[in-house]
N, C-alpha and C. Protein backbone atom coordinates (compact mmCIF):
# COMPACT_ATOMS: atom_id res chain seq x y z
N UNK A 1 87.83 60.67 87.71
CA UNK A 1 86.87 59.59 87.57
C UNK A 1 85.73 59.75 88.58
N UNK A 2 86.07 60.16 89.80
CA UNK A 2 85.05 60.31 90.83
C UNK A 2 84.01 61.35 90.43
N UNK A 3 84.47 62.40 89.74
CA UNK A 3 83.53 63.42 89.29
C UNK A 3 82.58 62.85 88.24
N UNK A 4 83.11 62.01 87.36
CA UNK A 4 82.28 61.40 86.32
C UNK A 4 81.23 60.50 86.95
N UNK A 5 81.66 59.71 87.95
CA UNK A 5 80.72 58.82 88.63
C UNK A 5 79.64 59.62 89.37
N UNK A 6 80.06 60.71 89.99
CA UNK A 6 79.11 61.56 90.70
C UNK A 6 78.07 62.13 89.74
N UNK A 7 78.53 62.53 88.56
CA UNK A 7 77.62 63.08 87.56
C UNK A 7 76.64 62.02 87.08
N UNK A 8 77.16 60.80 86.90
CA UNK A 8 76.30 59.71 86.45
C UNK A 8 75.23 59.40 87.49
N UNK A 9 75.63 59.35 88.76
CA UNK A 9 74.67 59.09 89.83
C UNK A 9 73.61 60.20 89.89
N UNK A 10 74.05 61.44 89.67
CA UNK A 10 73.11 62.56 89.68
C UNK A 10 72.10 62.44 88.55
N UNK A 11 72.60 62.03 87.38
CA UNK A 11 71.71 61.85 86.24
C UNK A 11 70.71 60.74 86.49
N UNK A 12 71.20 59.65 87.09
CA UNK A 12 70.31 58.53 87.40
C UNK A 12 69.24 58.96 88.41
N UNK A 13 69.65 59.75 89.40
CA UNK A 13 68.70 60.21 90.41
C UNK A 13 67.63 61.08 89.77
N UNK A 14 68.03 61.94 88.85
CA UNK A 14 67.07 62.80 88.17
C UNK A 14 66.10 61.97 87.32
N UNK A 15 66.65 60.94 86.68
CA UNK A 15 65.83 60.07 85.84
C UNK A 15 64.76 59.39 86.66
N UNK A 16 65.17 58.86 87.84
CA UNK A 16 64.21 58.21 88.72
C UNK A 16 63.16 59.20 89.22
N UNK A 17 63.61 60.42 89.50
CA UNK A 17 62.69 61.44 90.01
C UNK A 17 61.62 61.76 88.97
N UNK A 18 62.07 61.91 87.71
CA UNK A 18 61.12 62.21 86.65
C UNK A 18 60.21 61.02 86.37
N UNK A 19 60.76 59.82 86.49
CA UNK A 19 59.96 58.62 86.25
C UNK A 19 58.85 58.48 87.27
N UNK A 20 59.10 58.94 88.49
CA UNK A 20 58.10 58.82 89.55
C UNK A 20 57.13 60.00 89.57
N UNK A 21 57.39 60.99 88.75
CA UNK A 21 56.55 62.19 88.75
C UNK A 21 55.16 61.86 88.21
N UNK A 22 54.10 62.36 88.84
CA UNK A 22 52.75 62.07 88.36
C UNK A 22 52.48 62.68 87.00
N UNK A 23 51.51 62.12 86.30
CA UNK A 23 51.13 62.65 84.98
C UNK A 23 50.44 64.00 85.15
N UNK A 24 50.31 64.70 84.04
CA UNK A 24 49.63 66.00 84.07
C UNK A 24 48.20 65.82 84.58
N UNK A 25 47.77 66.74 85.41
CA UNK A 25 46.45 66.67 86.01
C UNK A 25 45.41 67.15 84.99
N UNK A 26 44.52 66.25 84.58
CA UNK A 26 43.53 66.57 83.55
C UNK A 26 42.53 67.61 84.05
N UNK A 27 42.13 67.51 85.29
CA UNK A 27 41.16 68.47 85.84
C UNK A 27 41.76 69.87 85.88
N UNK A 28 43.05 69.97 86.20
CA UNK A 28 43.71 71.27 86.23
C UNK A 28 43.80 71.84 84.82
N UNK A 29 44.09 70.98 83.84
CA UNK A 29 44.15 71.43 82.45
C UNK A 29 42.80 71.96 81.99
N UNK A 30 41.72 71.29 82.39
CA UNK A 30 40.37 71.74 82.05
C UNK A 30 40.10 73.11 82.69
N UNK A 31 40.53 73.28 83.93
CA UNK A 31 40.35 74.55 84.63
C UNK A 31 41.07 75.68 83.90
N UNK A 32 42.34 75.46 83.53
CA UNK A 32 43.11 76.50 82.84
C UNK A 32 42.49 76.84 81.49
N UNK A 33 42.04 75.83 80.77
CA UNK A 33 41.43 76.08 79.46
C UNK A 33 40.14 76.88 79.62
N UNK A 34 39.35 76.54 80.62
CA UNK A 34 38.10 77.27 80.87
C UNK A 34 38.38 78.72 81.22
N UNK A 35 39.39 78.96 82.05
CA UNK A 35 39.74 80.33 82.44
C UNK A 35 40.27 81.13 81.25
N UNK A 36 41.03 80.45 80.39
CA UNK A 36 41.55 81.12 79.19
C UNK A 36 40.40 81.54 78.28
N UNK A 37 39.45 80.64 78.08
CA UNK A 37 38.30 80.95 77.23
C UNK A 37 37.45 82.06 77.84
N UNK A 38 37.32 82.05 79.14
CA UNK A 38 36.58 83.11 79.84
C UNK A 38 37.25 84.46 79.63
N UNK A 39 38.56 84.47 79.70
CA UNK A 39 39.31 85.72 79.50
C UNK A 39 39.07 86.28 78.10
N UNK A 40 39.08 85.42 77.10
CA UNK A 40 38.85 85.88 75.73
C UNK A 40 37.42 86.41 75.56
N UNK A 41 36.47 85.75 76.21
CA UNK A 41 35.08 86.18 76.12
C UNK A 41 34.91 87.54 76.79
N UNK A 42 35.60 87.76 77.90
CA UNK A 42 35.50 89.03 78.62
C UNK A 42 36.24 90.16 77.91
N UNK A 43 37.26 89.81 77.13
CA UNK A 43 38.08 90.82 76.45
C UNK A 43 38.15 90.51 74.96
N UNK A 44 37.07 90.79 74.22
CA UNK A 44 37.04 90.47 72.78
C UNK A 44 38.17 91.11 71.99
N UNK A 45 38.57 92.33 72.38
CA UNK A 45 39.65 93.00 71.67
C UNK A 45 40.96 92.21 71.80
N UNK A 46 41.20 91.71 73.00
CA UNK A 46 42.40 90.90 73.25
C UNK A 46 42.36 89.64 72.41
N UNK A 47 41.19 89.01 72.31
CA UNK A 47 41.05 87.81 71.49
C UNK A 47 41.41 88.11 70.04
N UNK A 48 40.93 89.24 69.54
CA UNK A 48 41.24 89.62 68.16
C UNK A 48 42.73 89.77 67.94
N UNK A 49 43.40 90.43 68.88
CA UNK A 49 44.85 90.64 68.75
C UNK A 49 45.61 89.32 68.80
N UNK A 50 45.03 88.31 69.47
CA UNK A 50 45.68 87.00 69.54
C UNK A 50 45.40 86.16 68.29
N UNK A 51 44.50 86.65 67.43
CA UNK A 51 44.16 85.89 66.23
C UNK A 51 42.92 85.04 66.37
N UNK A 52 42.25 85.11 67.52
CA UNK A 52 41.00 84.39 67.73
C UNK A 52 39.86 85.28 67.23
N UNK A 53 39.17 84.85 66.20
CA UNK A 53 38.21 85.71 65.51
C UNK A 53 36.76 85.49 65.95
N UNK A 54 36.52 84.71 66.97
CA UNK A 54 35.16 84.40 67.38
C UNK A 54 34.40 85.61 67.91
N UNK A 55 35.12 86.59 68.44
CA UNK A 55 34.45 87.73 69.07
C UNK A 55 34.77 89.04 68.36
N UNK A 56 35.05 88.95 67.08
CA UNK A 56 35.44 90.15 66.33
C UNK A 56 34.32 91.16 66.14
N UNK A 57 33.10 90.79 66.51
CA UNK A 57 31.97 91.70 66.38
C UNK A 57 31.58 92.34 67.71
N UNK A 58 32.46 92.20 68.73
CA UNK A 58 32.10 92.68 70.08
C UNK A 58 33.18 93.59 70.66
N UNK A 59 32.76 94.33 71.68
CA UNK A 59 33.68 95.13 72.49
C UNK A 59 33.48 94.73 73.95
N UNK A 60 34.47 94.97 74.76
CA UNK A 60 34.39 94.62 76.18
C UNK A 60 33.24 95.35 76.86
N UNK A 61 32.51 94.60 77.67
CA UNK A 61 31.43 95.18 78.46
C UNK A 61 32.05 95.84 79.69
N UNK A 62 31.98 97.17 79.75
CA UNK A 62 32.59 97.92 80.85
C UNK A 62 31.54 98.41 81.85
N UNK A 63 30.35 97.84 81.81
CA UNK A 63 29.28 98.27 82.72
C UNK A 63 29.60 97.87 84.15
N UNK A 64 28.93 98.51 85.08
CA UNK A 64 29.13 98.20 86.50
C UNK A 64 28.76 96.75 86.79
N UNK A 65 27.71 96.25 86.15
CA UNK A 65 27.30 94.86 86.37
C UNK A 65 28.38 93.89 85.87
N UNK A 66 28.98 94.21 84.73
CA UNK A 66 30.02 93.34 84.18
C UNK A 66 31.25 93.33 85.09
N UNK A 67 31.60 94.50 85.62
CA UNK A 67 32.74 94.59 86.54
C UNK A 67 32.46 93.76 87.79
N UNK A 68 31.27 93.89 88.33
CA UNK A 68 30.91 93.12 89.52
C UNK A 68 30.95 91.62 89.25
N UNK A 69 30.48 91.23 88.08
CA UNK A 69 30.50 89.81 87.70
C UNK A 69 31.92 89.28 87.62
N UNK A 70 32.83 90.09 87.08
CA UNK A 70 34.23 89.66 86.98
C UNK A 70 34.87 89.53 88.36
N UNK A 71 34.47 90.38 89.28
CA UNK A 71 34.98 90.28 90.64
C UNK A 71 34.54 88.97 91.30
N UNK A 72 33.30 88.61 91.11
CA UNK A 72 32.78 87.35 91.66
C UNK A 72 33.50 86.17 91.03
N UNK A 73 33.71 86.25 89.73
CA UNK A 73 34.41 85.15 89.04
C UNK A 73 35.82 84.97 89.59
N UNK A 74 36.50 86.06 89.88
CA UNK A 74 37.86 85.97 90.42
C UNK A 74 37.88 85.22 91.74
N UNK A 75 36.90 85.49 92.60
CA UNK A 75 36.82 84.78 93.88
C UNK A 75 36.55 83.30 93.67
N UNK A 76 35.69 82.98 92.74
CA UNK A 76 35.37 81.58 92.46
C UNK A 76 36.58 80.85 91.89
N UNK A 77 37.29 81.51 90.98
CA UNK A 77 38.47 80.89 90.38
C UNK A 77 39.55 80.66 91.42
N UNK A 78 39.71 81.60 92.34
CA UNK A 78 40.71 81.44 93.40
C UNK A 78 40.39 80.22 94.26
N UNK A 79 39.13 80.07 94.63
CA UNK A 79 38.72 78.93 95.45
C UNK A 79 38.98 77.61 94.73
N UNK A 80 38.75 77.60 93.42
CA UNK A 80 38.96 76.37 92.65
C UNK A 80 40.44 76.01 92.55
N UNK A 81 41.28 77.00 92.27
CA UNK A 81 42.70 76.69 92.09
C UNK A 81 43.34 76.31 93.42
N UNK A 82 42.86 76.87 94.51
CA UNK A 82 43.39 76.52 95.82
C UNK A 82 43.05 75.08 96.19
N UNK A 83 41.98 74.54 95.63
CA UNK A 83 41.54 73.18 95.96
C UNK A 83 42.46 72.11 95.37
N UNK A 84 43.29 72.48 94.40
CA UNK A 84 44.23 71.52 93.82
C UNK A 84 45.43 71.38 94.75
N UNK A 85 45.66 70.17 95.22
CA UNK A 85 46.76 69.89 96.14
C UNK A 85 48.08 69.89 95.38
N UNK A 86 48.98 70.86 95.63
CA UNK A 86 50.24 70.91 94.89
C UNK A 86 51.10 69.66 95.11
N UNK A 87 50.93 69.00 96.25
CA UNK A 87 51.70 67.80 96.51
C UNK A 87 51.36 66.65 95.59
N UNK A 88 50.21 66.72 94.93
CA UNK A 88 49.80 65.66 94.01
C UNK A 88 50.07 66.01 92.55
N UNK A 89 50.65 67.18 92.32
CA UNK A 89 50.88 67.65 90.96
C UNK A 89 52.33 67.46 90.54
N UNK A 90 52.55 67.34 89.24
CA UNK A 90 53.93 67.29 88.76
C UNK A 90 54.52 68.70 88.76
N UNK A 91 55.79 68.81 88.42
CA UNK A 91 56.49 70.09 88.51
C UNK A 91 55.82 71.16 87.66
N UNK A 92 55.52 70.82 86.40
CA UNK A 92 54.90 71.80 85.50
C UNK A 92 53.57 72.29 86.03
N UNK A 93 52.75 71.36 86.50
CA UNK A 93 51.43 71.75 87.01
C UNK A 93 51.55 72.58 88.29
N UNK A 94 52.53 72.25 89.12
CA UNK A 94 52.73 73.04 90.34
C UNK A 94 53.12 74.47 90.01
N UNK A 95 54.00 74.60 89.02
CA UNK A 95 54.41 75.95 88.60
C UNK A 95 53.23 76.72 88.02
N UNK A 96 52.45 76.07 87.17
CA UNK A 96 51.29 76.73 86.55
C UNK A 96 50.29 77.14 87.62
N UNK A 97 50.06 76.25 88.60
CA UNK A 97 49.14 76.57 89.68
C UNK A 97 49.63 77.77 90.48
N UNK A 98 50.94 77.78 90.80
CA UNK A 98 51.51 78.86 91.60
C UNK A 98 51.40 80.20 90.87
N UNK A 99 51.65 80.20 89.57
CA UNK A 99 51.58 81.44 88.80
C UNK A 99 50.15 81.96 88.74
N UNK A 100 49.20 81.06 88.47
CA UNK A 100 47.80 81.47 88.42
C UNK A 100 47.34 81.96 89.79
N UNK A 101 47.75 81.24 90.83
CA UNK A 101 47.36 81.59 92.19
C UNK A 101 47.85 82.98 92.56
N UNK A 102 49.09 83.28 92.20
CA UNK A 102 49.65 84.60 92.50
C UNK A 102 48.86 85.69 91.80
N UNK A 103 48.56 85.49 90.51
CA UNK A 103 47.80 86.49 89.77
C UNK A 103 46.40 86.67 90.32
N UNK A 104 45.75 85.56 90.68
CA UNK A 104 44.38 85.64 91.21
C UNK A 104 44.35 86.41 92.53
N UNK A 105 45.31 86.14 93.38
CA UNK A 105 45.35 86.83 94.68
C UNK A 105 45.63 88.31 94.50
N UNK A 106 46.48 88.65 93.56
CA UNK A 106 46.75 90.07 93.29
C UNK A 106 45.49 90.78 92.79
N UNK A 107 44.77 90.13 91.86
CA UNK A 107 43.56 90.72 91.32
C UNK A 107 42.53 90.96 92.42
N UNK A 108 42.36 89.99 93.28
CA UNK A 108 41.37 90.12 94.36
C UNK A 108 41.79 91.21 95.34
N UNK A 109 43.09 91.33 95.58
CA UNK A 109 43.58 92.39 96.46
C UNK A 109 43.23 93.76 95.90
N UNK A 110 43.37 93.92 94.57
CA UNK A 110 42.99 95.19 93.94
C UNK A 110 41.48 95.40 94.03
N UNK A 111 40.73 94.33 93.79
CA UNK A 111 39.27 94.45 93.87
C UNK A 111 38.83 94.94 95.25
N UNK A 112 39.49 94.43 96.29
CA UNK A 112 39.13 94.81 97.65
C UNK A 112 39.44 96.28 97.93
N UNK A 113 40.48 96.78 97.30
CA UNK A 113 40.84 98.19 97.49
C UNK A 113 39.69 99.09 97.01
N UNK A 114 39.08 98.72 95.89
CA UNK A 114 38.02 99.55 95.31
C UNK A 114 36.67 99.37 96.01
N UNK A 115 36.54 98.30 96.78
CA UNK A 115 35.28 98.07 97.48
C UNK A 115 34.13 97.87 96.52
N UNK A 116 33.03 98.63 96.73
CA UNK A 116 31.84 98.48 95.91
C UNK A 116 31.86 99.36 94.66
N UNK A 117 32.92 100.08 94.44
CA UNK A 117 33.03 100.90 93.24
C UNK A 117 33.07 100.01 91.99
N UNK A 118 32.60 100.50 90.84
CA UNK A 118 32.64 99.71 89.60
C UNK A 118 34.04 99.71 89.00
N UNK A 119 35.02 99.47 89.84
CA UNK A 119 36.43 99.43 89.43
C UNK A 119 37.04 98.16 89.99
N UNK A 120 38.01 97.62 89.28
CA UNK A 120 38.61 96.38 89.73
C UNK A 120 39.99 96.18 89.15
N UNK A 121 40.42 94.93 89.14
CA UNK A 121 41.75 94.61 88.64
C UNK A 121 41.77 94.57 87.11
N UNK A 122 42.97 94.55 86.57
CA UNK A 122 43.14 94.39 85.12
C UNK A 122 42.48 95.49 84.32
N UNK A 123 41.66 95.11 83.32
CA UNK A 123 41.02 96.12 82.46
C UNK A 123 40.00 96.99 83.18
N UNK A 124 39.62 96.60 84.39
CA UNK A 124 38.64 97.37 85.15
C UNK A 124 39.29 98.35 86.12
N UNK A 125 40.56 98.66 85.90
CA UNK A 125 41.31 99.49 86.84
C UNK A 125 40.80 100.92 86.89
N UNK A 126 41.34 101.68 87.81
CA UNK A 126 40.86 103.03 88.12
C UNK A 126 41.16 104.05 87.03
N UNK A 127 41.93 103.66 86.00
CA UNK A 127 42.27 104.60 84.92
C UNK A 127 41.75 104.04 83.59
N UNK A 128 40.44 104.10 83.35
CA UNK A 128 39.88 103.53 82.12
C UNK A 128 40.28 104.29 80.86
N UNK A 129 40.76 105.52 81.04
CA UNK A 129 41.22 106.31 79.91
C UNK A 129 42.53 106.98 80.28
N UNK A 130 43.54 106.79 79.44
CA UNK A 130 44.84 107.42 79.63
C UNK A 130 45.48 107.61 78.27
N UNK A 131 46.67 108.15 78.24
CA UNK A 131 47.33 108.39 76.95
C UNK A 131 47.73 107.09 76.27
N UNK A 132 47.84 106.00 77.02
CA UNK A 132 48.23 104.72 76.45
C UNK A 132 47.14 103.66 76.59
N UNK A 133 45.96 104.06 77.01
CA UNK A 133 44.86 103.12 77.17
C UNK A 133 43.54 103.83 77.01
N UNK A 134 42.50 103.07 76.78
CA UNK A 134 41.18 103.65 76.62
C UNK A 134 40.61 103.37 75.23
N UNK A 135 39.36 103.71 75.01
CA UNK A 135 38.72 103.45 73.71
C UNK A 135 39.47 104.05 72.53
N UNK A 136 40.01 105.25 72.70
CA UNK A 136 40.69 105.91 71.59
C UNK A 136 41.94 105.16 71.17
N UNK A 137 42.55 104.44 72.09
CA UNK A 137 43.75 103.66 71.79
C UNK A 137 43.36 102.27 71.29
N UNK A 138 42.47 101.63 72.01
CA UNK A 138 42.09 100.25 71.68
C UNK A 138 41.42 100.15 70.31
N UNK A 139 40.50 101.07 70.02
CA UNK A 139 39.78 101.00 68.75
C UNK A 139 40.68 101.30 67.57
N UNK A 140 41.57 102.28 67.74
CA UNK A 140 42.52 102.59 66.66
C UNK A 140 43.44 101.41 66.40
N UNK A 141 43.82 100.72 67.46
CA UNK A 141 44.67 99.54 67.32
C UNK A 141 43.93 98.43 66.58
N UNK A 142 42.66 98.23 66.92
CA UNK A 142 41.88 97.20 66.24
C UNK A 142 41.68 97.52 64.77
N UNK A 143 41.56 98.81 64.44
CA UNK A 143 41.38 99.20 63.05
C UNK A 143 42.60 98.82 62.21
N UNK A 144 43.75 98.72 62.85
CA UNK A 144 44.97 98.34 62.16
C UNK A 144 45.23 96.83 62.23
N UNK A 145 44.92 96.24 63.37
CA UNK A 145 45.28 94.84 63.60
C UNK A 145 44.20 93.85 63.21
N UNK A 146 42.95 94.31 63.17
CA UNK A 146 41.86 93.39 62.88
C UNK A 146 41.91 92.88 61.45
N UNK A 147 41.39 91.68 61.21
CA UNK A 147 41.38 91.14 59.84
C UNK A 147 40.32 91.84 58.99
N UNK A 148 40.67 92.23 57.78
CA UNK A 148 39.75 92.83 56.82
C UNK A 148 39.98 92.19 55.47
N UNK A 149 39.50 90.94 55.36
CA UNK A 149 39.76 90.14 54.15
C UNK A 149 38.52 89.95 53.31
N UNK A 150 37.34 89.99 53.96
CA UNK A 150 36.11 89.68 53.24
C UNK A 150 34.96 90.48 53.84
N UNK A 151 33.76 90.28 53.27
CA UNK A 151 32.60 91.04 53.72
C UNK A 151 32.26 90.76 55.18
N UNK A 152 32.45 89.52 55.62
CA UNK A 152 32.15 89.16 57.00
C UNK A 152 33.02 89.95 57.98
N UNK A 153 34.30 90.13 57.63
CA UNK A 153 35.19 90.90 58.49
C UNK A 153 34.71 92.35 58.62
N UNK A 154 34.25 92.92 57.50
CA UNK A 154 33.77 94.30 57.52
C UNK A 154 32.45 94.42 58.28
N UNK A 155 31.62 93.40 58.16
CA UNK A 155 30.37 93.40 58.92
C UNK A 155 30.65 93.35 60.43
N UNK A 156 31.66 92.57 60.81
CA UNK A 156 32.05 92.52 62.23
C UNK A 156 32.54 93.88 62.70
N UNK A 157 33.30 94.55 61.86
CA UNK A 157 33.82 95.87 62.23
C UNK A 157 32.68 96.88 62.38
N UNK A 158 31.68 96.79 61.50
CA UNK A 158 30.54 97.69 61.60
C UNK A 158 29.78 97.45 62.91
N UNK A 159 29.68 96.18 63.32
CA UNK A 159 29.01 95.88 64.59
C UNK A 159 29.80 96.45 65.76
N UNK A 160 31.11 96.40 65.65
CA UNK A 160 31.93 96.99 66.71
C UNK A 160 31.74 98.51 66.74
N UNK A 161 31.69 99.12 65.59
CA UNK A 161 31.47 100.56 65.56
C UNK A 161 30.10 100.92 66.12
N UNK A 162 29.11 100.08 65.85
CA UNK A 162 27.78 100.33 66.42
C UNK A 162 27.80 100.27 67.94
N UNK A 163 28.74 99.49 68.48
CA UNK A 163 28.82 99.33 69.94
C UNK A 163 29.63 100.42 70.62
N UNK A 164 30.27 101.29 69.84
CA UNK A 164 31.13 102.33 70.41
C UNK A 164 30.36 103.30 71.31
N UNK A 165 29.17 103.79 70.91
CA UNK A 165 28.45 104.71 71.82
C UNK A 165 28.17 104.08 73.19
N UNK A 166 27.81 102.81 73.21
CA UNK A 166 27.56 102.14 74.49
C UNK A 166 28.85 102.08 75.31
N UNK A 167 29.95 101.74 74.63
CA UNK A 167 31.23 101.66 75.33
C UNK A 167 31.61 103.01 75.92
N UNK A 168 31.44 104.08 75.15
CA UNK A 168 31.80 105.41 75.64
C UNK A 168 30.93 105.81 76.82
N UNK A 169 29.65 105.43 76.78
CA UNK A 169 28.76 105.73 77.91
C UNK A 169 29.21 104.97 79.16
N UNK A 170 29.64 103.72 78.98
CA UNK A 170 30.10 102.92 80.12
C UNK A 170 31.39 103.50 80.70
N UNK A 171 32.31 103.88 79.83
CA UNK A 171 33.57 104.44 80.31
C UNK A 171 33.32 105.79 81.00
N UNK A 172 32.40 106.58 80.46
CA UNK A 172 32.05 107.85 81.09
C UNK A 172 31.52 107.61 82.50
N UNK A 173 30.69 106.58 82.65
CA UNK A 173 30.16 106.24 83.97
C UNK A 173 31.28 105.85 84.93
N UNK A 174 32.26 105.10 84.43
CA UNK A 174 33.40 104.71 85.27
C UNK A 174 34.21 105.94 85.69
N UNK A 175 34.40 106.86 84.74
CA UNK A 175 35.14 108.08 85.06
C UNK A 175 34.40 108.91 86.11
N UNK A 176 33.09 108.98 85.98
CA UNK A 176 32.30 109.73 86.96
C UNK A 176 32.39 109.09 88.34
N UNK A 177 32.41 107.75 88.38
CA UNK A 177 32.57 107.06 89.67
C UNK A 177 33.94 107.35 90.26
N UNK A 178 34.95 107.44 89.39
CA UNK A 178 36.29 107.78 89.86
C UNK A 178 36.35 109.19 90.42
N UNK A 179 35.70 110.12 89.73
CA UNK A 179 35.68 111.51 90.21
C UNK A 179 34.99 111.61 91.57
N UNK A 180 33.85 110.92 91.69
CA UNK A 180 33.08 110.98 92.94
C UNK A 180 33.82 110.36 94.11
N UNK A 181 34.67 109.37 93.83
CA UNK A 181 35.37 108.66 94.91
C UNK A 181 36.79 109.15 95.15
N UNK A 182 37.29 109.98 94.22
CA UNK A 182 38.64 110.49 94.39
C UNK A 182 39.72 109.69 93.69
N UNK A 183 39.33 108.65 92.95
CA UNK A 183 40.31 107.87 92.19
C UNK A 183 40.58 108.61 90.88
N UNK A 184 41.50 109.56 90.93
CA UNK A 184 41.80 110.41 89.79
C UNK A 184 43.29 110.40 89.48
N UNK A 185 43.64 110.44 88.19
CA UNK A 185 45.06 110.53 87.81
C UNK A 185 45.51 111.99 87.88
N UNK A 186 46.80 112.23 87.97
CA UNK A 186 47.29 113.61 87.89
C UNK A 186 47.00 114.19 86.50
N UNK A 187 46.81 115.47 86.43
CA UNK A 187 46.43 116.13 85.17
C UNK A 187 47.41 115.81 84.05
N UNK A 188 48.70 115.80 84.35
CA UNK A 188 49.71 115.59 83.32
C UNK A 188 49.58 114.21 82.67
N UNK A 189 49.00 113.26 83.40
CA UNK A 189 48.91 111.90 82.87
C UNK A 189 47.84 111.77 81.80
N UNK A 190 46.89 112.71 81.76
CA UNK A 190 45.79 112.59 80.81
C UNK A 190 45.62 113.84 79.95
N UNK A 191 46.60 114.73 79.98
CA UNK A 191 46.44 116.00 79.29
C UNK A 191 46.31 115.85 77.78
N UNK A 192 46.86 114.76 77.22
CA UNK A 192 46.79 114.55 75.78
C UNK A 192 45.58 113.74 75.33
N UNK A 193 44.81 113.24 76.28
CA UNK A 193 43.67 112.38 75.95
C UNK A 193 42.63 113.09 75.08
N UNK A 194 42.22 114.33 75.39
CA UNK A 194 41.22 114.99 74.53
C UNK A 194 41.64 115.04 73.06
N UNK A 195 42.92 115.29 72.81
CA UNK A 195 43.40 115.31 71.43
C UNK A 195 43.33 113.94 70.78
N UNK A 196 43.62 112.90 71.56
CA UNK A 196 43.53 111.54 71.03
C UNK A 196 42.08 111.18 70.69
N UNK A 197 41.16 111.59 71.55
CA UNK A 197 39.75 111.34 71.28
C UNK A 197 39.29 112.08 70.03
N UNK A 198 39.75 113.31 69.87
CA UNK A 198 39.37 114.11 68.71
C UNK A 198 39.87 113.46 67.42
N UNK A 199 41.03 112.79 67.48
CA UNK A 199 41.58 112.14 66.29
C UNK A 199 40.70 110.98 65.83
N UNK A 200 39.95 110.40 66.76
CA UNK A 200 39.06 109.29 66.41
C UNK A 200 37.71 109.78 65.91
N UNK A 201 37.38 111.04 66.18
CA UNK A 201 36.09 111.58 65.75
C UNK A 201 36.25 112.99 65.18
N UNK A 202 37.00 113.12 64.07
CA UNK A 202 37.21 114.45 63.47
C UNK A 202 35.94 114.92 62.73
N UNK A 203 35.98 116.17 62.27
CA UNK A 203 34.83 116.70 61.54
C UNK A 203 34.58 115.88 60.28
N UNK A 204 35.64 115.44 59.62
CA UNK A 204 35.52 114.61 58.43
C UNK A 204 35.68 113.15 58.84
N UNK A 205 34.61 112.35 58.82
CA UNK A 205 34.69 110.96 59.28
C UNK A 205 35.78 110.15 58.59
N UNK A 206 36.03 110.44 57.31
CA UNK A 206 37.04 109.65 56.59
C UNK A 206 38.44 109.87 57.15
N UNK A 207 38.62 110.92 57.94
CA UNK A 207 39.93 111.19 58.53
C UNK A 207 40.13 110.43 59.84
N UNK A 208 39.08 109.80 60.33
CA UNK A 208 39.18 109.06 61.59
C UNK A 208 39.99 107.78 61.41
N UNK A 209 40.74 107.44 62.45
CA UNK A 209 41.50 106.18 62.42
C UNK A 209 40.56 104.99 62.32
N UNK A 210 39.32 105.15 62.80
CA UNK A 210 38.37 104.05 62.77
C UNK A 210 37.80 103.82 61.36
N UNK A 211 37.98 104.80 60.48
CA UNK A 211 37.49 104.67 59.10
C UNK A 211 38.53 104.03 58.19
N UNK A 212 39.74 103.89 58.67
CA UNK A 212 40.85 103.40 57.85
C UNK A 212 40.55 102.11 57.10
N UNK A 213 39.89 101.12 57.71
CA UNK A 213 39.64 99.88 56.97
C UNK A 213 38.81 100.07 55.70
N UNK A 214 38.04 101.17 55.63
CA UNK A 214 37.19 101.39 54.46
C UNK A 214 37.90 102.17 53.35
N UNK A 215 39.15 102.52 53.56
CA UNK A 215 39.89 103.28 52.56
C UNK A 215 40.58 102.38 51.54
N UNK A 216 40.70 101.10 51.86
CA UNK A 216 41.37 100.16 50.95
C UNK A 216 40.74 98.79 51.11
N UNK A 217 39.81 98.47 50.22
CA UNK A 217 39.16 97.16 50.29
C UNK A 217 39.99 96.11 49.54
N UNK A 218 39.98 94.87 50.00
CA UNK A 218 40.64 93.81 49.25
C UNK A 218 39.93 93.57 47.93
N UNK A 219 40.61 92.99 46.96
CA UNK A 219 40.08 92.83 45.62
C UNK A 219 38.80 91.98 45.60
N UNK A 220 38.67 91.05 46.51
CA UNK A 220 37.51 90.15 46.49
C UNK A 220 36.21 90.84 46.88
N UNK A 221 36.30 92.07 47.43
CA UNK A 221 35.09 92.80 47.79
C UNK A 221 34.80 93.84 46.69
């Protein structure tokens, strides 16, 4: 019986604790939503894979200016999330704040390692091209995962293809900055990359993975 009473008291204590817990912080929710939308805007390919079609006509800006802008944004976001007093937040909001805070601090730590180089955390890391990452991987993935249901979808894909030369020039610039600074992967890590790039730009364009959406149009087109 004593164990049953102890359990009941514990349940009552938890109930009172939850009853006294503050409501979700609206300002924090606005902050998280804004950061989420910013992430999608910065990474259009990621948005497409998530099913958000607003940026299906764009590719990530990998220019040095864009990288620098993202670094500044990370510092600003860190300052904003730190301003939320965890003591005034409920359990869920405290956890969300702690997780975001940890990620932001890690990103900034990586940014500091690179200094003024056009390299940073996340997608701006020192290995813009590898066997599992880079334009040859991302574009081929989009050719399979992107929606191709109507003329608008195909027009978006054509705009993305038009943006490929700019993307390749930006990535080339990043690679050159890596070479000049010594941020280089071991040869074995990238030995298959030339073959992957060739698969995206063969002598016969119709053989390219990027041409795949044009090999089977939906009936409505």
